[in-house]
């Protein structure tokens, strides 16, 4: 399927690079490329250690699983936390990573959204 035609949660009908399921989960409109609600990344200090953060506001939680994943190379990802039970629709959420950036050479976080089985 190309731009303008969607058949499933992995499709991208507006061609903005975001699959329909992620747009639904974060409250953007799958048919409008200018409508984007992306997670934000940053760092914070925890007990004197610098840590990565990822934040977003879920628009929908029913029937979805929200997973935070981490990687050191952008190829191999590991599940860090299933945060689904911590989320409330329309309420901002911020995840603080466990890795200390002072001793971790490379660290990346991402949000994965899946349909409940």
PDB file of N, CA and C in Angstrom:
ATOM      1  N   UNK A   1       0.814  -1.190   0.000  1.00  0.00           N
ATOM      2  CA  UNK A   1       0.000   0.000   0.000  1.00  0.00           C
ATOM      3  C   UNK A   1       0.857   1.254   0.000  1.00  0.00           C
ATOM      4  N   UNK A   2       0.454   2.222  -0.733  1.00  0.00           N
ATOM      5  CA  UNK A   2       1.185   3.471  -0.809  1.00  0.00           C
ATOM      6  C   UNK A   2       0.512   4.552   0.008  1.00  0.00           C
ATOM      7  N   UNK A   3       1.001   5.768  -0.169  1.00  0.00           N
ATOM      8  CA  UNK A   3       0.417   6.908   0.524  1.00  0.00           C
ATOM      9  C   UNK A   3      -1.055   7.010   0.137  1.00  0.00           C
ATOM     10  N   UNK A   4      -1.907   7.188   1.136  1.00  0.00           N
ATOM     11  CA  UNK A   4      -3.332   7.326   0.879  1.00  0.00           C
ATOM     12  C   UNK A   4      -4.116   6.038   1.005  1.00  0.00           C
ATOM     13  N   UNK A   5      -3.421   4.906   1.165  1.00  0.00           N
ATOM     14  CA  UNK A   5      -4.147   3.650   1.334  1.00  0.00           C
ATOM     15  C   UNK A   5      -3.581   2.913   2.544  1.00  0.00           C
ATOM     16  N   UNK A   6      -4.453   2.601   3.473  1.00  0.00           N
ATOM     17  CA  UNK A   6      -4.030   1.886   4.681  1.00  0.00           C
ATOM     18  C   UNK A   6      -4.811   0.603   4.803  1.00  0.00           C
ATOM     19  N   UNK A   7      -4.108  -0.457   5.140  1.00  0.00           N
ATOM     20  CA  UNK A   7      -4.787  -1.733   5.330  1.00  0.00           C
ATOM     21  C   UNK A   7      -4.502  -2.326   6.698  1.00  0.00           C
ATOM     22  N   UNK A   8      -3.601  -1.749   7.467  1.00  0.00           N
ATOM     23  CA  UNK A   8      -3.292  -2.330   8.759  1.00  0.00           C
ATOM     24  C   UNK A   8      -2.515  -1.393   9.647  1.00  0.00           C
ATOM     25  N   UNK A   9      -2.222  -1.846  10.874  1.00  0.00           N
ATOM     26  CA  UNK A   9      -1.564  -0.999  11.861  1.00  0.00           C
ATOM     27  C   UNK A   9      -0.139  -0.581  11.496  1.00  0.00           C
ATOM     28  N   UNK A  10       0.524  -1.319  10.610  1.00  0.00           N
ATOM     29  CA  UNK A  10       1.896  -0.976  10.233  1.00  0.00           C
ATOM     30  C   UNK A  10       1.954  -0.042   9.028  1.00  0.00           C
ATOM     31  N   UNK A  11       0.819   0.223   8.394  1.00  0.00           N
ATOM     32  CA  UNK A  11       0.796   1.078   7.208  1.00  0.00           C
ATOM     33  C   UNK A  11       0.941   2.550   7.576  1.00  0.00           C
ATOM     34  N   UNK A  12       1.339   3.331   6.601  1.00  0.00           N
ATOM     35  CA  UNK A  12       1.571   4.764   6.781  1.00  0.00           C
ATOM     36  C   UNK A  12       0.838   5.525   5.672  1.00  0.00           C
ATOM     37  N   UNK A  13      -0.485   5.715   5.809  1.00  0.00           N
ATOM     38  CA  UNK A  13      -1.261   6.304   4.716  1.00  0.00           C
ATOM     39  C   UNK A  13      -0.897   7.736   4.355  1.00  0.00           C
ATOM     40  N   UNK A  14      -0.343   8.510   5.295  1.00  0.00           N
ATOM     41  CA  UNK A  14       0.001   9.896   4.966  1.00  0.00           C
ATOM     42  C   UNK A  14       1.472  10.074   4.618  1.00  0.00           C
ATOM     43  N   UNK A  15       2.245   8.983   4.644  1.00  0.00           N
ATOM     44  CA  UNK A  15       3.645   9.038   4.222  1.00  0.00           C
ATOM     45  C   UNK A  15       4.554   9.838   5.133  1.00  0.00           C
ATOM     46  N   UNK A  16       4.195   9.984   6.417  1.00  0.00           N
ATOM     47  CA  UNK A  16       5.022  10.785   7.338  1.00  0.00           C
ATOM     48  C   UNK A  16       6.046   9.960   8.115  1.00  0.00           C
ATOM     49  N   UNK A  17       6.125   8.655   7.815  1.00  0.00           N
ATOM     50  CA  UNK A  17       7.106   7.807   8.486  1.00  0.00           C
ATOM     51  C   UNK A  17       6.612   7.175   9.774  1.00  0.00           C
ATOM     52  N   UNK A  18       5.366   7.454  10.165  1.00  0.00           N
ATOM     53  CA  UNK A  18       4.796   6.891  11.393  1.00  0.00           C
ATOM     54  C   UNK A  18       3.688   5.906  11.038  1.00  0.00           C
ATOM     55  N   UNK A  19       3.778   4.669  11.536  1.00  0.00           N
ATOM     56  CA  UNK A  19       2.714   3.705  11.247  1.00  0.00           C
ATOM     57  C   UNK A  19       1.401   4.102  11.932  1.00  0.00           C
ATOM     58  N   UNK A  20       0.306   3.669  11.357  1.00  0.00           N
ATOM     59  CA  UNK A  20      -1.030   4.007  11.848  1.00  0.00           C
ATOM     60  C   UNK A  20      -1.191   3.682  13.333  1.00  0.00           C
ATOM     61  N   UNK A  21      -0.701   2.530  13.785  1.00  0.00           N
ATOM     62  CA  UNK A  21      -0.864   2.148  15.188  1.00  0.00           C
ATOM     63  C   UNK A  21      -0.189   3.151  16.122  1.00  0.00           C
ATOM     64  N   UNK A  22       1.013   3.602  15.791  1.00  0.00           N
ATOM     65  CA  UNK A  22       1.707   4.581  16.628  1.00  0.00           C
ATOM     66  C   UNK A  22       0.960   5.918  16.617  1.00  0.00           C
ATOM     67  N   UNK A  23       0.468   6.320  15.456  1.00  0.00           N
ATOM     68  CA  UNK A  23      -0.296   7.573  15.394  1.00  0.00           C
ATOM     69  C   UNK A  23      -1.557   7.478  16.253  1.00  0.00           C
ATOM     70  N   UNK A  24      -2.244   6.356  16.185  1.00  0.00           N
ATOM     71  CA  UNK A  24      -3.439   6.145  17.006  1.00  0.00           C
ATOM     72  C   UNK A  24      -3.075   6.190  18.494  1.00  0.00           C
ATOM     73  N   UNK A  25      -2.012   5.517  18.882  1.00  0.00           N
ATOM     74  CA  UNK A  25      -1.606   5.436  20.289  1.00  0.00           C
ATOM     75  C   UNK A  25      -1.215   6.791  20.861  1.00  0.00           C
ATOM     76  N   UNK A  26      -0.616   7.651  20.020  1.00  0.00           N
ATOM     77  CA  UNK A  26      -0.117   8.937  20.500  1.00  0.00           C
ATOM     78  C   UNK A  26      -1.011  10.119  20.119  1.00  0.00           C
ATOM     79  N   UNK A  27      -2.102   9.852  19.429  1.00  0.00           N
ATOM     80  CA  UNK A  27      -3.077  10.897  19.179  1.00  0.00           C
ATOM     81  C   UNK A  27      -2.851  11.751  17.956  1.00  0.00           C
ATOM     82  N   UNK A  28      -2.019  11.318  17.033  1.00  0.00           N
ATOM     83  CA  UNK A  28      -1.910  12.076  15.791  1.00  0.00           C
ATOM     84  C   UNK A  28      -2.853  11.456  14.760  1.00  0.00           C
ATOM     85  N   UNK A  29      -3.021  12.115  13.637  1.00  0.00           N
ATOM     86  CA  UNK A  29      -3.990  11.678  12.638  1.00  0.00           C
ATOM     87  C   UNK A  29      -3.287  10.958  11.496  1.00  0.00           C
ATOM     88  N   UNK A  30      -3.599   9.683  11.282  1.00  0.00           N
ATOM     89  CA  UNK A  30      -2.909   8.892  10.256  1.00  0.00           C
ATOM     90  C   UNK A  30      -3.062   9.412   8.835  1.00  0.00           C
ATOM     91  N   UNK A  31      -4.062  10.246   8.575  1.00  0.00           N
ATOM     92  CA  UNK A  31      -4.271  10.772   7.231  1.00  0.00           C
ATOM     93  C   UNK A  31      -3.694  12.148   7.002  1.00  0.00           C
ATOM     94  N   UNK A  32      -3.034  12.727   8.016  1.00  0.00           N
ATOM     95  CA  UNK A  32      -2.486  14.075   7.887  1.00  0.00           C
ATOM     96  C   UNK A  32      -1.011  14.088   8.270  1.00  0.00           C
ATOM     97  N   UNK A  33      -0.115  14.273   7.293  1.00  0.00           N
ATOM     98  CA  UNK A  33       1.321  14.215   7.584  1.00  0.00           C
ATOM     99  C   UNK A  33       1.804  15.308   8.538  1.00  0.00           C
ATOM    100  N   UNK A  34       1.070  16.401   8.656  1.00  0.00           N
ATOM    101  CA  UNK A  34       1.508  17.474   9.557  1.00  0.00           C
ATOM    102  C   UNK A  34       1.086  17.205  11.004  1.00  0.00           C
ATOM    103  N   UNK A  35       0.272  16.180  11.210  1.00  0.00           N
ATOM    104  CA  UNK A  35      -0.187  15.829  12.556  1.00  0.00           C
ATOM    105  C   UNK A  35       0.746  14.778  13.136  1.00  0.00           C
ATOM    106  N   UNK A  36       1.671  15.218  13.995  1.00  0.00           N
ATOM    107  CA  UNK A  36       2.624  14.287  14.604  1.00  0.00           C
ATOM    108  C   UNK A  36       2.663  14.511  16.105  1.00  0.00           C
ATOM    109  N   UNK A  37       2.634  13.414  16.830  1.00  0.00           N
ATOM    110  CA  UNK A  37       2.771  13.457  18.285  1.00  0.00           C
ATOM    111  C   UNK A  37       3.873  12.468  18.646  1.00  0.00           C
ATOM    112  N   UNK A  38       5.106  12.914  18.523  1.00  0.00           N
ATOM    113  CA  UNK A  38       6.256  12.035  18.743  1.00  0.00           C
ATOM    114  C   UNK A  38       6.723  12.056  20.193  1.00  0.00           C
ATOM    115  N   UNK A  39       7.287  10.939  20.657  1.00  0.00           N
ATOM    116  CA  UNK A  39       7.920  10.960  21.975  1.00  0.00           C
ATOM    117  C   UNK A  39       9.092  11.938  21.977  1.00  0.00           C
ATOM    118  N   UNK A  40       9.353  12.533  23.126  1.00  0.00           N
ATOM    119  CA  UNK A  40      10.485  13.437  23.277  1.00  0.00           C
ATOM    120  C   UNK A  40      11.583  12.765  24.087  1.00  0.00           C
ATOM    121  N   UNK A  41      12.816  13.088  23.785  1.00  0.00           N
ATOM    122  CA  UNK A  41      13.964  12.508  24.485  1.00  0.00           C
ATOM    123  C   UNK A  41      14.724  13.596  25.220  1.00  0.00           C
ATOM    124  N   UNK A  42      15.413  13.198  26.265  1.00  0.00           N
ATOM    125  CA  UNK A  42      16.225  14.140  27.027  1.00  0.00           C
ATOM    126  C   UNK A  42      17.101  13.409  28.018  1.00  0.00           C
ATOM    127  N   UNK A  43      17.650  14.156  28.946  1.00  0.00           N
ATOM    128  CA  UNK A  43      18.442  13.576  30.036  1.00  0.00           C
ATOM    129  C   UNK A  43      18.000  14.215  31.349  1.00  0.00           C
ATOM    130  N   UNK A  44      18.265  13.510  32.428  1.00  0.00           N
ATOM    131  CA  UNK A  44      17.979  14.016  33.757  1.00  0.00           C
ATOM    132  C   UNK A  44      19.041  13.495  34.713  1.00  0.00           C
ATOM    133  N   UNK A  45      19.144  14.107  35.867  1.00  0.00           N
ATOM    134  CA  UNK A  45      20.080  13.669  36.893  1.00  0.00           C
ATOM    135  C   UNK A  45      19.335  12.861  37.951  1.00  0.00           C
ATOM    136  N   UNK A  46      19.871  11.683  38.280  1.00  0.00           N
ATOM    137  CA  UNK A  46      19.327  10.832  39.329  1.00  0.00           C
ATOM    138  C   UNK A  46      20.493  10.435  40.226  1.00  0.00           C
ATOM    139  N   UNK A  47      20.461  10.891  41.458  1.00  0.00           N
ATOM    140  CA  UNK A  47      21.523  10.583  42.425  1.00  0.00           C
ATOM    141  C   UNK A  47      22.908  10.909  41.855  1.00  0.00           C
ATOM    142  N   UNK A  48      23.002  12.061  41.169  1.00  0.00           N
ATOM    143  CA  UNK A  48      24.281  12.498  40.615  1.00  0.00           C
ATOM    144  C   UNK A  48      24.687  11.812  39.331  1.00  0.00           C
ATOM    145  N   UNK A  49      23.809  10.986  38.772  1.00  0.00           N
ATOM    146  CA  UNK A  49      24.100  10.273  37.522  1.00  0.00           C
ATOM    147  C   UNK A  49      23.204  10.807  36.414  1.00  0.00           C
ATOM    148  N   UNK A  50      23.780  10.982  35.243  1.00  0.00           N
ATOM    149  CA  UNK A  50      23.016  11.434  34.083  1.00  0.00           C
ATOM    150  C   UNK A  50      22.323  10.230  33.444  1.00  0.00           C
ATOM    151  N   UNK A  51      21.013  10.356  33.198  1.00  0.00           N
ATOM    152  CA  UNK A  51      20.220   9.264  32.628  1.00  0.00           C
ATOM    153  C   UNK A  51      19.394   9.775  31.445  1.00  0.00           C
ATOM    154  N   UNK A  52      19.203   8.918  30.457  1.00  0.00           N
ATOM    155  CA  UNK A  52      18.311   9.241  29.341  1.00  0.00           C
ATOM    156  C   UNK A  52      16.864   9.187  29.796  1.00  0.00           C
ATOM    157  N   UNK A  53      16.025  10.001  29.150  1.00  0.00           N
ATOM    158  CA  UNK A  53      14.585   9.953  29.389  1.00  0.00           C
ATOM    159  C   UNK A  53      13.856   9.917  28.052  1.00  0.00           C
ATOM    160  N   UNK A  54      12.659   9.367  28.082  1.00  0.00           N
ATOM    161  CA  UNK A  54      11.766   9.408  26.935  1.00  0.00           C
ATOM    162  C   UNK A  54      10.383   9.714  27.486  1.00  0.00           C
ATOM    163  N   UNK A  55       9.704  10.670  26.865  1.00  0.00           N
ATOM    164  CA  UNK A  55       8.397  11.079  27.356  1.00  0.00           C
ATOM    165  C   UNK A  55       7.393  11.202  26.230  1.00  0.00           C
ATOM    166  N   UNK A  56       6.133  10.985  26.565  1.00  0.00           N
ATOM    167  CA  UNK A  56       5.047  11.075  25.598  1.00  0.00           C
ATOM    168  C   UNK A  56       3.732  11.128  26.357  1.00  0.00           C
ATOM    169  N   UNK A  57       2.665  11.416  25.632  1.00  0.00           N
ATOM    170  CA  UNK A  57       1.320  11.413  26.201  1.00  0.00           C
ATOM    171  C   UNK A  57       0.480  10.416  25.419  1.00  0.00           C
ATOM    172  N   UNK A  58       0.082   9.312  26.045  1.00  0.00           N
ATOM    173  CA  UNK A  58      -0.733   8.334  25.324  1.00  0.00           C
ATOM    174  C   UNK A  58      -2.151   8.851  25.107  1.00  0.00           C
ATOM    175  N   UNK A  59      -2.636   8.701  23.894  1.00  0.00           N
ATOM    176  CA  UNK A  59      -4.012   9.108  23.586  1.00  0.00           C
ATOM    177  C   UNK A  59      -4.966   7.938  23.796  1.00  0.00           C
ATOM    178  N   UNK A  60      -4.475   6.730  23.587  1.00  0.00           N
ATOM    179  CA  UNK A  60      -5.266   5.511  23.730  1.00  0.00           C
ATOM    180  C   UNK A  60      -4.437   4.475  24.477  1.00  0.00           C
ATOM    181  N   UNK A  61      -5.069   3.737  25.375  1.00  0.00           N
ATOM    182  CA  UNK A  61      -4.365   2.653  26.050  1.00  0.00           C
ATOM    183  C   UNK A  61      -5.114   1.325  25.917  1.00  0.00           C
ATOM    184  N   UNK A  62      -6.424   1.367  25.730  1.00  0.00           N
ATOM    185  CA  UNK A  62      -7.221   0.142  25.635  1.00  0.00           C
ATOM    186  C   UNK A  62      -6.769  -0.695  24.443  1.00  0.00           C
ATOM    187  N   UNK A  63      -6.435  -1.954  24.695  1.00  0.00           N
ATOM    188  CA  UNK A  63      -6.046  -2.877  23.635  1.00  0.00           C
ATOM    189  C   UNK A  63      -4.627  -2.720  23.144  1.00  0.00           C
ATOM    190  N   UNK A  64      -3.835  -1.878  23.820  1.00  0.00           N
ATOM    191  CA  UNK A  64      -2.456  -1.632  23.395  1.00  0.00           C
ATOM    192  C   UNK A  64      -1.463  -1.980  24.500  1.00  0.00           C
ATOM    193  N   UNK A  65      -0.237  -2.309  24.090  1.00  0.00           N
ATOM    194  CA  UNK A  65       0.890  -2.465  25.021  1.00  0.00           C
ATOM    195  C   UNK A  65       1.946  -1.443  24.645  1.00  0.00           C
ATOM    196  N   UNK A  66       2.472  -0.761  25.654  1.00  0.00           N
ATOM    197  CA  UNK A  66       3.527   0.235  25.471  1.00  0.00           C
ATOM    198  C   UNK A  66       4.805  -0.324  26.098  1.00  0.00           C
ATOM    199  N   UNK A  67       5.850  -0.434  25.293  1.00  0.00           N
ATOM    200  CA  UNK A  67       7.105  -1.031  25.730  1.00  0.00           C
ATOM    201  C   UNK A  67       8.242  -0.028  25.499  1.00  0.00           C
ATOM    202  N   UNK A  68       9.101   0.152  26.507  1.00  0.00           N
ATOM    203  CA  UNK A  68      10.324   0.938  26.335  1.00  0.00           C
ATOM    204  C   UNK A  68      11.451  -0.044  26.027  1.00  0.00           C
ATOM    205  N   UNK A  69      12.201   0.243  24.963  1.00  0.00           N
ATOM    206  CA  UNK A  69      13.331  -0.597  24.568  1.00  0.00           C
ATOM    207  C   UNK A  69      14.608   0.229  24.572  1.00  0.00           C
ATOM    208  N   UNK A  70      15.746  -0.450  24.774  1.00  0.00           N
ATOM    209  CA  UNK A  70      17.051   0.217  24.800  1.00  0.00           C
ATOM    210  C   UNK A  70      18.022  -0.509  23.874  1.00  0.00           C
ATOM    211  N   UNK A  71      19.006   0.244  23.390  1.00  0.00           N
ATOM    212  CA  UNK A  71      20.026  -0.307  22.507  1.00  0.00           C
ATOM    213  C   UNK A  71      21.317   0.477  22.673  1.00  0.00           C
ATOM    214  N   UNK A  72      22.431  -0.182  22.374  1.00  0.00           N
ATOM    215  CA  UNK A  72      23.718   0.522  22.354  1.00  0.00           C
ATOM    216  C   UNK A  72      24.207   0.730  20.928  1.00  0.00           C
ATOM    217  N   UNK A  73      23.483   0.139  19.935  1.00  0.00           N
ATOM    218  CA  UNK A  73      23.964   0.224  18.556  1.00  0.00           C
ATOM    219  C   UNK A  73      22.860   0.472  17.514  1.00  0.00           C
ATOM    220  N   UNK A  74      21.636   0.697  17.942  1.00  0.00           N
ATOM    221  CA  UNK A  74      20.489   0.914  17.060  1.00  0.00           C
ATOM    222  C   UNK A  74      20.138  -0.302  16.199  1.00  0.00           C
ATOM    223  N   UNK A  75      20.782  -1.441  16.442  1.00  0.00           N
ATOM    224  CA  UNK A  75      20.461  -2.676  15.726  1.00  0.00           C
ATOM    225  C   UNK A  75      19.793  -3.684  16.653  1.00  0.00           C
ATOM    226  N   UNK A  76      20.430  -3.934  17.789  1.00  0.00           N
ATOM    227  CA  UNK A  76      19.905  -4.891  18.759  1.00  0.00           C
ATOM    228  C   UNK A  76      19.182  -4.140  19.868  1.00  0.00           C
ATOM    229  N   UNK A  77      17.883  -4.416  20.017  1.00  0.00           N
ATOM    230  CA  UNK A  77      17.048  -3.744  21.012  1.00  0.00           C
ATOM    231  C   UNK A  77      16.602  -4.745  22.060  1.00  0.00           C
ATOM    232  N   UNK A  78      16.563  -4.310  23.308  1.00  0.00           N
ATOM    233  CA  UNK A  78      16.076  -5.172  24.382  1.00  0.00           C
ATOM    234  C   UNK A  78      14.964  -4.446  25.138  1.00  0.00           C
ATOM    235  N   UNK A  79      13.977  -5.238  25.542  1.00  0.00           N
ATOM    236  CA  UNK A  79      12.860  -4.672  26.292  1.00  0.00           C
ATOM    237  C   UNK A  79      13.346  -4.270  27.676  1.00  0.00           C
ATOM    238  N   UNK A  80      13.097  -3.034  28.043  1.00  0.00           N
ATOM    239  CA  UNK A  80      13.475  -2.529  29.354  1.00  0.00           C
ATOM    240  C   UNK A  80      12.300  -2.544  30.317  1.00  0.00           C
ATOM    241  N   UNK A  81      11.114  -2.197  29.796  1.00  0.00           N
ATOM    242  CA  UNK A  81       9.970  -2.075  30.687  1.00  0.00           C
ATOM    243  C   UNK A  81       8.669  -2.072  29.903  1.00  0.00           C
ATOM    244  N   UNK A  82       7.705  -2.872  30.360  1.00  0.00           N
ATOM    245  CA  UNK A  82       6.344  -2.797  29.848  1.00  0.00           C
ATOM    246  C   UNK A  82       5.643  -1.783  30.747  1.00  0.00           C
ATOM    247  N   UNK A  83       5.371  -0.615  30.210  1.00  0.00           N
ATOM    248  CA  UNK A  83       4.840   0.486  31.026  1.00  0.00           C
ATOM    249  C   UNK A  83       3.327   0.650  30.893  1.00  0.00           C
ATOM    250  N   UNK A  84       2.680  -0.271  30.207  1.00  0.00           N
ATOM    251  CA  UNK A  84       1.259  -0.156  29.915  1.00  0.00           C
ATOM    252  C   UNK A  84       0.430   0.146  31.161  1.00  0.00           C
ATOM    253  N   UNK A  85       0.669  -0.569  32.250  1.00  0.00           N
ATOM    254  CA  UNK A  85      -0.146  -0.407  33.454  1.00  0.00           C
ATOM    255  C   UNK A  85       0.093   0.930  34.156  1.00  0.00           C
ATOM    256  N   UNK A  86       1.167   1.629  33.781  1.00  0.00           N
ATOM    257  CA  UNK A  86       1.499   2.911  34.404  1.00  0.00           C
ATOM    258  C   UNK A  86       0.859   4.101  33.695  1.00  0.00           C
ATOM    259  N   UNK A  87       0.270   3.858  32.534  1.00  0.00           N
ATOM    260  CA  UNK A  87      -0.212   4.949  31.687  1.00  0.00           C
ATOM    261  C   UNK A  87      -1.676   5.270  31.903  1.00  0.00           C
ATOM    262  N   UNK A  88      -1.990   6.558  31.768  1.00  0.00           N
ATOM    263  CA  UNK A  88      -3.372   7.027  31.755  1.00  0.00           C
ATOM    264  C   UNK A  88      -3.554   7.866  30.497  1.00  0.00           C
ATOM    265  N   UNK A  89      -4.645   7.620  29.789  1.00  0.00           N
ATOM    266  CA  UNK A  89      -4.906   8.359  28.559  1.00  0.00           C
ATOM    267  C   UNK A  89      -4.902   9.856  28.815  1.00  0.00           C
ATOM    268  N   UNK A  90      -4.169  10.592  27.973  1.00  0.00           N
ATOM    269  CA  UNK A  90      -4.122  12.044  28.062  1.00  0.00           C
ATOM    270  C   UNK A  90      -3.197  12.591  29.138  1.00  0.00           C
ATOM    271  N   UNK A  91      -2.528  11.721  29.887  1.00  0.00           N
ATOM    272  CA  UNK A  91      -1.619  12.155  30.952  1.00  0.00           C
ATOM    273  C   UNK A  91      -0.170  11.942  30.521  1.00  0.00           C
ATOM    274  N   UNK A  92       0.673  12.969  30.580  1.00  0.00           N
ATOM    275  CA  UNK A  92       2.074  12.824  30.185  1.00  0.00           C
ATOM    276  C   UNK A  92       2.779  11.752  31.022  1.00  0.00           C
ATOM    277  N   UNK A  93       3.676  11.027  30.368  1.00  0.00           N
ATOM    278  CA  UNK A  93       4.468   9.995  31.035  1.00  0.00           C
ATOM    279  C   UNK A  93       5.932  10.214  30.657  1.00  0.00           C
ATOM    280  N   UNK A  94       6.825  10.043  31.621  1.00  0.00           N
ATOM    281  CA  UNK A  94       8.265  10.144  31.349  1.00  0.00           C
ATOM    282  C   UNK A  94       8.955   8.934  31.946  1.00  0.00           C
ATOM    283  N   UNK A  95       9.710   8.225  31.127  1.00  0.00           N
ATOM    284  CA  UNK A  95      10.485   7.062  31.559  1.00  0.00           C
ATOM    285  C   UNK A  95      11.938   7.493  31.736  1.00  0.00           C
ATOM    286  N   UNK A  96      12.519   7.132  32.869  1.00  0.00           N
ATOM    287  CA  UNK A  96      13.933   7.416  33.141  1.00  0.00           C
ATOM    288  C   UNK A  96      14.698   6.108  33.029  1.00  0.00           C
ATOM    289  N   UNK A  97      15.688   6.081  32.160  1.00  0.00           N
ATOM    290  CA  UNK A  97      16.483   4.882  31.920  1.00  0.00           C
ATOM    291  C   UNK A  97      17.351   4.554  33.133  1.00  0.00           C
ATOM    292  N   UNK A  98      17.717   3.300  33.259  1.00  0.00           N
ATOM    293  CA  UNK A  98      18.529   2.853  34.395  1.00  0.00           C
ATOM    294  C   UNK A  98      20.031   3.024  34.167  1.00  0.00           C
ATOM    295  N   UNK A  99      20.461   3.204  32.921  1.00  0.00           N
ATOM    296  CA  UNK A  99      21.899   3.275  32.617  1.00  0.00           C
ATOM    297  C   UNK A  99      22.483   4.642  32.962  1.00  0.00           C
ATOM    298  N   UNK A 100      23.624   4.621  33.617  1.00  0.00           N
ATOM    299  CA  UNK A 100      24.384   5.828  33.936  1.00  0.00           C
ATOM    300  C   UNK A 100      25.174   6.217  32.683  1.00  0.00           C
ATOM    301  N   UNK A 101      24.890   7.385  32.115  1.00  0.00           N
ATOM    302  CA  UNK A 101      25.540   7.795  30.873  1.00  0.00           C
ATOM    303  C   UNK A 101      27.035   8.052  31.039  1.00  0.00           C
ATOM    304  N   UNK A 102      27.491   8.244  32.268  1.00  0.00           N
ATOM    305  CA  UNK A 102      28.925   8.463  32.493  1.00  0.00           C
ATOM    306  C   UNK A 102      29.734   7.191  32.239  1.00  0.00           C
ATOM    307  N   UNK A 103      29.109   6.019  32.369  1.00  0.00           N
ATOM    308  CA  UNK A 103      29.844   4.762  32.156  1.00  0.00           C
ATOM    309  C   UNK A 103      29.304   3.949  30.985  1.00  0.00           C
ATOM    310  N   UNK A 104      28.239   4.434  30.348  1.00  0.00           N
ATOM    311  CA  UNK A 104      27.654   3.771  29.185  1.00  0.00           C
ATOM    312  C   UNK A 104      28.036   4.586  27.955  1.00  0.00           C
ATOM    313  N   UNK A 105      28.844   3.989  27.066  1.00  0.00           N
ATOM    314  CA  UNK A 105      29.348   4.740  25.920  1.00  0.00           C
ATOM    315  C   UNK A 105      28.249   5.204  24.979  1.00  0.00           C
ATOM    316  N   UNK A 106      27.332   4.313  24.632  1.00  0.00           N
ATOM    317  CA  UNK A 106      26.250   4.659  23.710  1.00  0.00           C
ATOM    318  C   UNK A 106      24.963   4.069  24.254  1.00  0.00           C
ATOM    319  N   UNK A 107      23.896   4.849  24.219  1.00  0.00           N
ATOM    320  CA  UNK A 107      22.613   4.383  24.732  1.00  0.00           C
ATOM    321  C   UNK A 107      21.496   5.070  23.963  1.00  0.00           C
ATOM    322  N   UNK A 108      20.521   4.288  23.542  1.00  0.00           N
ATOM    323  CA  UNK A 108      19.373   4.786  22.804  1.00  0.00           C
ATOM    324  C   UNK A 108      18.107   4.187  23.414  1.00  0.00           C
ATOM    325  N   UNK A 109      17.032   4.947  23.426  1.00  0.00           N
ATOM    326  CA  UNK A 109      15.741   4.466  23.890  1.00  0.00           C
ATOM    327  C   UNK A 109      14.715   4.640  22.785  1.00  0.00           C
ATOM    328  N   UNK A 110      13.722   3.762  22.785  1.00  0.00           N
ATOM    329  CA  UNK A 110      12.610   3.933  21.853  1.00  0.00           C
ATOM    330  C   UNK A 110      11.340   3.391  22.499  1.00  0.00           C
ATOM    331  N   UNK A 111      10.223   3.859  21.976  1.00  0.00           N
ATOM    332  CA  UNK A 111       8.911   3.403  22.402  1.00  0.00           C
ATOM    333  C   UNK A 111       8.378   2.461  21.338  1.00  0.00           C
ATOM    334  N   UNK A 112       7.929   1.297  21.774  1.00  0.00           N
ATOM    335  CA  UNK A 112       7.285   0.351  20.856  1.00  0.00           C
ATOM    336  C   UNK A 112       5.842   0.179  21.335  1.00  0.00           C
ATOM    337  N   UNK A 113       4.903   0.287  20.421  1.00  0.00           N
ATOM    338  CA  UNK A 113       3.485   0.098  20.733  1.00  0.00           C
ATOM    339  C   UNK A 113       3.001  -1.096  19.930  1.00  0.00           C
ATOM    340  N   UNK A 114       2.297  -1.997  20.631  1.00  0.00           N
ATOM    341  CA  UNK A 114       1.798  -3.221  19.993  1.00  0.00           C
ATOM    342  C   UNK A 114       0.328  -3.406  20.355  1.00  0.00           C
ATOM    343  N   UNK A 115      -0.391  -4.107  19.517  1.00  0.00           N
ATOM    344  CA  UNK A 115      -1.748  -4.506  19.846  1.00  0.00           C
ATOM    345  C   UNK A 115      -1.675  -5.618  20.888  1.00  0.00           C
ATOM    346  N   UNK A 116      -2.581  -5.594  21.871  1.00  0.00           N
ATOM    347  CA  UNK A 116      -2.655  -6.676  22.845  1.00  0.00           C
ATOM    348  C   UNK A 116      -2.988  -7.974  22.119  1.00  0.00           C
ATOM    349  N   UNK A 117      -2.375  -9.075  22.528  1.00  0.00           N
ATOM    350  CA  UNK A 117      -2.688 -10.352  21.865  1.00  0.00           C
ATOM    351  C   UNK A 117      -4.123 -10.778  22.121  1.00  0.00           C
TER     352      UNK A 117
END
